[in-house]
Amino acid sequence: MAGIMNLVRGIYICVPRDATQASGFYNTMLQSDDSAIIVEVLNAYRKRASLPDNIGEYRIPLGVPEIIRQGTDVTVATYGACCAIAQEAAAQLHGIGIEVELIDVRTLLPFDLHGMILSSLKKTNRILFLDEDCPGGATAYMMQRAIEEQGGYHWLDCAPRTLSAKEHRPAYGSDGDYFSKPNREQIVRVICNMIHEAQPERFPEFY
């Protein structure tokens, strides 16, 4: 993803999490004279998605993230396929008393035009950037935009974290994605370790 962003500056990049979101972006761009790349989630082809009554007119504005889960302990900023994985991890963390605010950034170019991630960070004071790109890719891009450009560093109680794919090509086989890309257990471990800094007596550190 970082390669695409750096090679096509000036073109919008939309990263919908499901088929409904993708249709919203297609409708938006079909009414525009600008160019865009809409990166669909391959796994979404095998999953059901809600069908809006106005599917032909349903549009999603560019540069406006969506909060898909409210929380107070840590902000997770992600997009595309990782949204579903993050939702599973957030449900598991809820069971042990950690409330995740999950934000789908929805477009990488433009990125969070109104500072929604910053507003969330002011509430949670902790943030994890998550995606399936290589280390130092789109997660680093999101961190730079939110922490440096938006001034999110003023509100941090612990170091911001990134969680991305491994530094190799995804493995083949039914479990290749699970071990090559971020999974639910990794997200839970990273967030528990972030909360451990503030409440070590409640949340042990995982290695």
C-alpha atoms as a PDB file:
ATOM      1  CA  MET A   1       0.000   0.000   0.000  1.00  0.00           C
ATOM      2  CA  ALA A   2       2.852   2.387   0.783  1.00  0.00           C
ATOM      3  CA  GLY A   3       4.201   1.778  -2.710  1.00  0.00           C
ATOM      4  CA  ILE A   4       0.877   2.748  -4.253  1.00  0.00           C
ATOM      5  CA  MET A   5       0.589   5.883  -2.106  1.00  0.00           C
ATOM      6  CA  ASN A   6       4.067   7.096  -3.001  1.00  0.00           C
ATOM      7  CA  LEU A   7       3.751   6.339  -6.709  1.00  0.00           C
ATOM      8  CA  VAL A   8       0.337   7.877  -7.371  1.00  0.00           C
ATOM      9  CA  ARG A   9       0.263  11.078  -5.323  1.00  0.00           C
ATOM     10  CA  GLY A  10      -2.533  13.238  -6.721  1.00  0.00           C
ATOM     11  CA  ILE A  11      -4.866  10.257  -7.091  1.00  0.00           C
ATOM     12  CA  TYR A  12      -7.350   9.429  -4.336  1.00  0.00           C
ATOM     13  CA  ILE A  13      -6.872   6.090  -2.565  1.00  0.00           C
ATOM     14  CA  CYS A  14      -9.986   4.535  -1.037  1.00  0.00           C
ATOM     15  CA  VAL A  15      -9.689   1.446   1.156  1.00  0.00           C
ATOM     16  CA  PRO A  16     -13.236   0.171   1.925  1.00  0.00           C
ATOM     17  CA  ARG A  17     -13.713  -2.557   4.533  1.00  0.00           C
ATOM     18  CA  ASP A  18     -16.615  -4.324   2.780  1.00  0.00           C
ATOM     19  CA  ALA A  19     -18.713  -4.390  -0.385  1.00  0.00           C
ATOM     20  CA  THR A  20     -21.173  -1.777   0.876  1.00  0.00           C
ATOM     21  CA  GLN A  21     -18.389   0.698   1.588  1.00  0.00           C
ATOM     22  CA  ALA A  22     -16.861  -0.046  -1.813  1.00  0.00           C
ATOM     23  CA  SER A  23     -20.151   0.729  -3.553  1.00  0.00           C
ATOM     24  CA  GLY A  24     -20.307   4.044  -1.677  1.00  0.00           C
ATOM     25  CA  PHE A  25     -16.882   4.992  -2.980  1.00  0.00           C
ATOM     26  CA  TYR A  26     -17.719   3.944  -6.527  1.00  0.00           C
ATOM     27  CA  ASN A  27     -20.847   6.126  -6.450  1.00  0.00           C
ATOM     28  CA  THR A  28     -18.825   9.029  -5.074  1.00  0.00           C
ATOM     29  CA  MET A  29     -16.122   8.784  -7.709  1.00  0.00           C
ATOM     30  CA  LEU A  30     -18.549   8.258 -10.593  1.00  0.00           C
ATOM     31  CA  GLN A  31     -19.925  11.706  -9.790  1.00  0.00           C
ATOM     32  CA  SER A  32     -16.421  13.191  -9.751  1.00  0.00           C
ATOM     33  CA  ASP A  33     -13.998  14.272 -12.435  1.00  0.00           C
ATOM     34  CA  ASP A  34     -11.043  13.135 -10.324  1.00  0.00           C
ATOM     35  CA  SER A  35      -9.149   9.844 -10.440  1.00  0.00           C
ATOM     36  CA  ALA A  36      -9.123   7.278  -7.643  1.00  0.00           C
ATOM     37  CA  ILE A  37      -7.931   3.787  -6.795  1.00  0.00           C
ATOM     38  CA  ILE A  38     -10.466   1.756  -4.810  1.00  0.00           C
ATOM     39  CA  VAL A  39      -8.746  -1.171  -3.114  1.00  0.00           C
ATOM     40  CA  GLU A  40     -11.351  -3.858  -2.489  1.00  0.00           C
ATOM     41  CA  VAL A  41     -11.013  -6.490   0.239  1.00  0.00           C
ATOM     42  CA  LEU A  42     -10.749  -9.870  -1.484  1.00  0.00           C
ATOM     43  CA  ASN A  43     -12.189 -11.717   1.521  1.00  0.00           C
ATOM     44  CA  ALA A  44     -15.258  -9.478   1.358  1.00  0.00           C
ATOM     45  CA  TYR A  45     -16.358 -11.249  -1.824  1.00  0.00           C
ATOM     46  CA  ARG A  46     -17.264 -14.278   0.319  1.00  0.00           C
ATOM     47  CA  LYS A  47     -19.069 -12.321   3.057  1.00  0.00           C
ATOM     48  CA  ARG A  48     -22.505 -10.791   3.297  1.00  0.00           C
ATOM     49  CA  ALA A  49     -22.782  -7.025   3.684  1.00  0.00           C
ATOM     50  CA  SER A  50     -25.715  -4.766   4.455  1.00  0.00           C
ATOM     51  CA  LEU A  51     -27.526  -3.431   1.385  1.00  0.00           C
ATOM     52  CA  PRO A  52     -28.659   0.200   1.689  1.00  0.00           C
ATOM     53  CA  ASP A  53     -32.082   1.019   0.267  1.00  0.00           C
ATOM     54  CA  ASN A  54     -30.418   3.768  -1.749  1.00  0.00           C
ATOM     55  CA  ILE A  55     -27.560   1.627  -3.039  1.00  0.00           C
ATOM     56  CA  GLY A  56     -27.485   3.539  -6.337  1.00  0.00           C
ATOM     57  CA  GLU A  57     -27.123   6.894  -4.589  1.00  0.00           C
ATOM     58  CA  TYR A  58     -25.226   5.813  -1.462  1.00  0.00           C
ATOM     59  CA  ARG A  59     -21.986   7.788  -1.293  1.00  0.00           C
ATOM     60  CA  ILE A  60     -19.074   8.075   1.138  1.00  0.00           C
ATOM     61  CA  PRO A  61     -17.196  11.363   1.470  1.00  0.00           C
ATOM     62  CA  LEU A  62     -13.452  11.275   0.955  1.00  0.00           C
ATOM     63  CA  GLY A  63     -11.149  11.968   3.890  1.00  0.00           C
ATOM     64  CA  VAL A  64     -13.780  11.249   6.538  1.00  0.00           C
ATOM     65  CA  PRO A  65     -13.067   8.223   8.794  1.00  0.00           C
ATOM     66  CA  GLU A  66     -15.804   6.287  10.574  1.00  0.00           C
ATOM     67  CA  ILE A  67     -15.852   5.228  14.218  1.00  0.00           C
ATOM     68  CA  ILE A  68     -17.122   1.655  14.088  1.00  0.00           C
ATOM     69  CA  ARG A  69     -16.736   0.973  17.802  1.00  0.00           C
ATOM     70  CA  GLN A  70     -16.748   3.461  20.673  1.00  0.00           C
ATOM     71  CA  GLY A  71     -14.160   3.097  23.440  1.00  0.00           C
ATOM     72  CA  THR A  72     -12.242   4.975  26.112  1.00  0.00           C
ATOM     73  CA  ASP A  73      -8.969   3.077  26.693  1.00  0.00           C
ATOM     74  CA  VAL A  74      -7.146   2.907  23.356  1.00  0.00           C
ATOM     75  CA  THR A  75      -7.698   4.080  19.785  1.00  0.00           C
ATOM     76  CA  VAL A  76      -7.091   1.670  16.905  1.00  0.00           C
ATOM     77  CA  ALA A  77      -6.799   3.268  13.453  1.00  0.00           C
ATOM     78  CA  THR A  78      -6.989   0.840  10.546  1.00  0.00           C
ATOM     79  CA  TYR A  79      -8.693   0.161   7.214  1.00  0.00           C
ATOM     80  CA  GLY A  80      -9.819  -2.545   4.816  1.00  0.00           C
ATOM     81  CA  ALA A  81      -9.539  -6.200   5.835  1.00  0.00           C
ATOM     82  CA  CYS A  82      -8.041  -5.360   9.239  1.00  0.00           C
ATOM     83  CA  CYS A  83     -11.294  -3.741  10.389  1.00  0.00           C
ATOM     84  CA  ALA A  84     -12.969  -7.127  10.851  1.00  0.00           C
ATOM     85  CA  ILE A  85      -9.941  -8.562  12.671  1.00  0.00           C
ATOM     86  CA  ALA A  86      -9.766  -5.504  14.916  1.00  0.00           C
ATOM     87  CA  GLN A  87     -13.467  -5.828  15.740  1.00  0.00           C
ATOM     88  CA  GLU A  88     -12.904  -9.415  16.890  1.00  0.00           C
ATOM     89  CA  ALA A  89      -9.962  -8.318  19.039  1.00  0.00           C
ATOM     90  CA  ALA A  90     -11.967  -5.419  20.487  1.00  0.00           C
ATOM     91  CA  ALA A  91     -14.757  -7.797  21.509  1.00  0.00           C
ATOM     92  CA  GLN A  92     -12.217 -10.051  23.222  1.00  0.00           C
ATOM     93  CA  LEU A  93     -10.608  -7.086  25.010  1.00  0.00           C
ATOM     94  CA  HIS A  94     -14.033  -5.902  26.167  1.00  0.00           C
ATOM     95  CA  GLY A  95     -14.318  -9.180  28.046  1.00  0.00           C
ATOM     96  CA  ILE A  96     -11.312  -8.282  30.197  1.00  0.00           C
ATOM     97  CA  GLY A  97     -12.283  -4.670  30.745  1.00  0.00           C
ATOM     98  CA  ILE A  98     -10.440  -2.826  27.948  1.00  0.00           C
ATOM     99  CA  GLU A  99     -12.594  -0.634  25.695  1.00  0.00           C
ATOM    100  CA  VAL A 100     -11.212  -0.048  22.200  1.00  0.00           C
ATOM    101  CA  GLU A 101     -12.261   2.869  20.023  1.00  0.00           C
ATOM    102  CA  LEU A 102     -11.986   1.477  16.506  1.00  0.00           C
ATOM    103  CA  ILE A 103     -11.631   3.896  13.596  1.00  0.00           C
ATOM    104  CA  ASP A 104     -11.830   2.900   9.936  1.00  0.00           C
ATOM    105  CA  VAL A 105      -9.861   5.613   8.124  1.00  0.00           C
ATOM    106  CA  ARG A 106     -11.624   4.638   4.837  1.00  0.00           C
ATOM    107  CA  THR A 107      -9.346   6.776   2.617  1.00  0.00           C
ATOM    108  CA  LEU A 108      -5.569   7.094   2.766  1.00  0.00           C
ATOM    109  CA  LEU A 109      -5.450   9.933   0.242  1.00  0.00           C
ATOM    110  CA  PRO A 110      -6.952  12.209   1.475  1.00  0.00           C
ATOM    111  CA  PHE A 111      -6.414  11.212   5.121  1.00  0.00           C
ATOM    112  CA  ASP A 112      -8.670  12.247   8.037  1.00  0.00           C
ATOM    113  CA  LEU A 113      -9.323  15.792   6.898  1.00  0.00           C
ATOM    114  CA  HIS A 114     -11.201  16.811  10.059  1.00  0.00           C
ATOM    115  CA  GLY A 115      -8.932  15.272  12.699  1.00  0.00           C
ATOM    116  CA  MET A 116     -11.238  12.506  13.898  1.00  0.00           C
ATOM    117  CA  ILE A 117      -8.274  10.383  15.013  1.00  0.00           C
ATOM    118  CA  LEU A 118      -6.939  13.304  17.065  1.00  0.00           C
ATOM    119  CA  SER A 119     -10.338  13.750  18.734  1.00  0.00           C
ATOM    120  CA  SER A 120     -10.342  10.070  19.661  1.00  0.00           C
ATOM    121  CA  LEU A 121      -6.766  10.275  20.958  1.00  0.00           C
ATOM    122  CA  LYS A 122      -7.718  13.159  23.233  1.00  0.00           C
ATOM    123  CA  LYS A 123     -10.150  10.744  24.878  1.00  0.00           C
ATOM    124  CA  THR A 124      -8.106   7.538  25.004  1.00  0.00           C
ATOM    125  CA  ASN A 125      -4.491   8.863  25.167  1.00  0.00           C
ATOM    126  CA  ARG A 126      -3.220   5.678  23.482  1.00  0.00           C
ATOM    127  CA  ILE A 127      -3.165   4.652  19.842  1.00  0.00           C
ATOM    128  CA  LEU A 128      -2.365   1.633  17.675  1.00  0.00           C
ATOM    129  CA  PHE A 129      -2.037   1.896  13.886  1.00  0.00           C
ATOM    130  CA  LEU A 130      -2.897  -1.403  12.211  1.00  0.00           C
ATOM    131  CA  ASP A 131      -2.785  -2.745   8.663  1.00  0.00           C
ATOM    132  CA  GLU A 132      -1.573  -5.559   6.381  1.00  0.00           C
ATOM    133  CA  ASP A 133       1.171  -3.519   4.712  1.00  0.00           C
ATOM    134  CA  CYS A 134       4.898  -4.095   5.259  1.00  0.00           C
ATOM    135  CA  PRO A 135       6.529  -2.582   8.371  1.00  0.00           C
ATOM    136  CA  GLY A 136       7.123   1.137   7.897  1.00  0.00           C
ATOM    137  CA  GLY A 137       4.447   1.317   5.218  1.00  0.00           C
ATOM    138  CA  ALA A 138       0.925   2.671   5.595  1.00  0.00           C
ATOM    139  CA  THR A 139       1.026   2.332   9.394  1.00  0.00           C
ATOM    140  CA  ALA A 140       4.002   4.713   9.498  1.00  0.00           C
ATOM    141  CA  TYR A 141       2.183   7.024   7.101  1.00  0.00           C
ATOM    142  CA  MET A 142      -0.905   7.105   9.342  1.00  0.00           C
ATOM    143  CA  MET A 143       1.235   7.672  12.439  1.00  0.00           C
ATOM    144  CA  GLN A 144       3.040  10.593  10.816  1.00  0.00           C
ATOM    145  CA  ARG A 145      -0.255  12.212   9.815  1.00  0.00           C
ATOM    146  CA  ALA A 146      -1.984  11.737  13.168  1.00  0.00           C
ATOM    147  CA  ILE A 147       0.886  12.140  15.635  1.00  0.00           C
ATOM    148  CA  GLU A 148       3.047  14.721  13.866  1.00  0.00           C
ATOM    149  CA  GLU A 149       0.767  16.698  11.554  1.00  0.00           C
ATOM    150  CA  GLN A 150      -2.374  16.632  13.708  1.00  0.00           C
ATOM    151  CA  GLY A 151      -0.370  17.122  16.899  1.00  0.00           C
ATOM    152  CA  GLY A 152      -1.499  13.893  18.509  1.00  0.00           C
ATOM    153  CA  TYR A 153       1.772  13.566  20.428  1.00  0.00           C
ATOM    154  CA  HIS A 154       0.466  16.149  22.914  1.00  0.00           C
ATOM    155  CA  TRP A 155      -2.155  13.665  24.122  1.00  0.00           C
ATOM    156  CA  LEU A 156      -0.152  10.453  24.404  1.00  0.00           C
ATOM    157  CA  ASP A 157       0.210   8.621  27.720  1.00  0.00           C
ATOM    158  CA  CYS A 158       2.400   5.944  26.119  1.00  0.00           C
ATOM    159  CA  ALA A 159       4.323   5.488  22.898  1.00  0.00           C
ATOM    160  CA  PRO A 160       2.174   5.077  19.767  1.00  0.00           C
ATOM    161  CA  ARG A 161       2.365   1.594  18.306  1.00  0.00           C
ATOM    162  CA  THR A 162       2.152   0.078  14.836  1.00  0.00           C
ATOM    163  CA  LEU A 163       1.185  -3.493  13.939  1.00  0.00           C
ATOM    164  CA  SER A 164       1.668  -4.586  10.350  1.00  0.00           C
ATOM    165  CA  ALA A 165       2.476  -7.687   8.315  1.00  0.00           C
ATOM    166  CA  LYS A 166       5.745  -9.549   8.671  1.00  0.00           C
ATOM    167  CA  GLU A 167       8.818  -8.618   6.664  1.00  0.00           C
ATOM    168  CA  HIS A 168       8.303 -11.317   4.060  1.00  0.00           C
ATOM    169  CA  ARG A 169       5.846 -12.188   1.332  1.00  0.00           C
ATOM    170  CA  PRO A 170       2.601 -13.749   2.647  1.00  0.00           C
ATOM    171  CA  ALA A 171       2.936 -17.494   3.025  1.00  0.00           C
ATOM    172  CA  TYR A 172       0.846 -19.827   0.888  1.00  0.00           C
ATOM    173  CA  GLY A 173      -1.702 -22.206   2.378  1.00  0.00           C
ATOM    174  CA  SER A 174      -4.891 -21.869   4.379  1.00  0.00           C
ATOM    175  CA  ASP A 175      -3.076 -20.449   7.410  1.00  0.00           C
ATOM    176  CA  GLY A 176      -0.528 -18.367   5.486  1.00  0.00           C
ATOM    177  CA  ASP A 177      -2.357 -15.077   6.001  1.00  0.00           C
ATOM    178  CA  TYR A 178      -2.848 -15.768   9.691  1.00  0.00           C
ATOM    179  CA  PHE A 179       0.861 -16.052  10.419  1.00  0.00           C
ATOM    180  CA  SER A 180       2.043 -13.476   7.851  1.00  0.00           C
ATOM    181  CA  LYS A 181      -0.428 -10.692   8.629  1.00  0.00           C
ATOM    182  CA  PRO A 182      -1.765  -9.221  11.892  1.00  0.00           C
ATOM    183  CA  ASN A 183      -4.202 -11.486  13.714  1.00  0.00           C
ATOM    184  CA  ARG A 184      -6.597 -11.128  16.612  1.00  0.00           C
ATOM    185  CA  GLU A 185      -4.193 -12.505  19.214  1.00  0.00           C
ATOM    186  CA  GLN A 186      -1.420 -10.097  18.205  1.00  0.00           C
ATOM    187  CA  ILE A 187      -3.766  -7.118  18.496  1.00  0.00           C
ATOM    188  CA  VAL A 188      -4.929  -8.244  21.948  1.00  0.00           C
ATOM    189  CA  ARG A 189      -1.323  -8.718  23.115  1.00  0.00           C
ATOM    190  CA  VAL A 190      -0.156  -5.317  21.876  1.00  0.00           C
ATOM    191  CA  ILE A 191      -3.085  -3.463  23.423  1.00  0.00           C
ATOM    192  CA  CYS A 192      -2.805  -5.314  26.741  1.00  0.00           C
ATOM    193  CA  ASN A 193       0.864  -4.325  26.920  1.00  0.00           C
ATOM    194  CA  MET A 194      -0.066  -0.702  26.237  1.00  0.00           C
ATOM    195  CA  ILE A 195      -2.626  -0.722  29.056  1.00  0.00           C
ATOM    196  CA  HIS A 196      -0.136  -2.562  31.307  1.00  0.00           C
ATOM    197  CA  GLU A 197       1.947   0.621  31.487  1.00  0.00           C
ATOM    198  CA  ALA A 198      -0.921   2.427  33.227  1.00  0.00           C
ATOM    199  CA  GLN A 199      -2.426  -0.480  35.187  1.00  0.00           C
ATOM    200  CA  PRO A 200       0.270  -3.152  35.727  1.00  0.00           C
ATOM    201  CA  GLU A 201      -1.645  -4.663  38.630  1.00  0.00           C
ATOM    202  CA  ARG A 202      -4.674  -5.405  36.439  1.00  0.00           C
ATOM    203  CA  PHE A 203      -3.055  -6.346  33.131  1.00  0.00           C
ATOM    204  CA  PRO A 204       0.111  -8.481  33.023  1.00  0.00           C
ATOM    205  CA  GLU A 205       2.691  -7.909  30.313  1.00  0.00           C
ATOM    206  CA  PHE A 206       2.686 -10.358  27.413  1.00  0.00           C
ATOM    207  CA  TYR A 207       5.818 -11.346  25.528  1.00  0.00           C
END
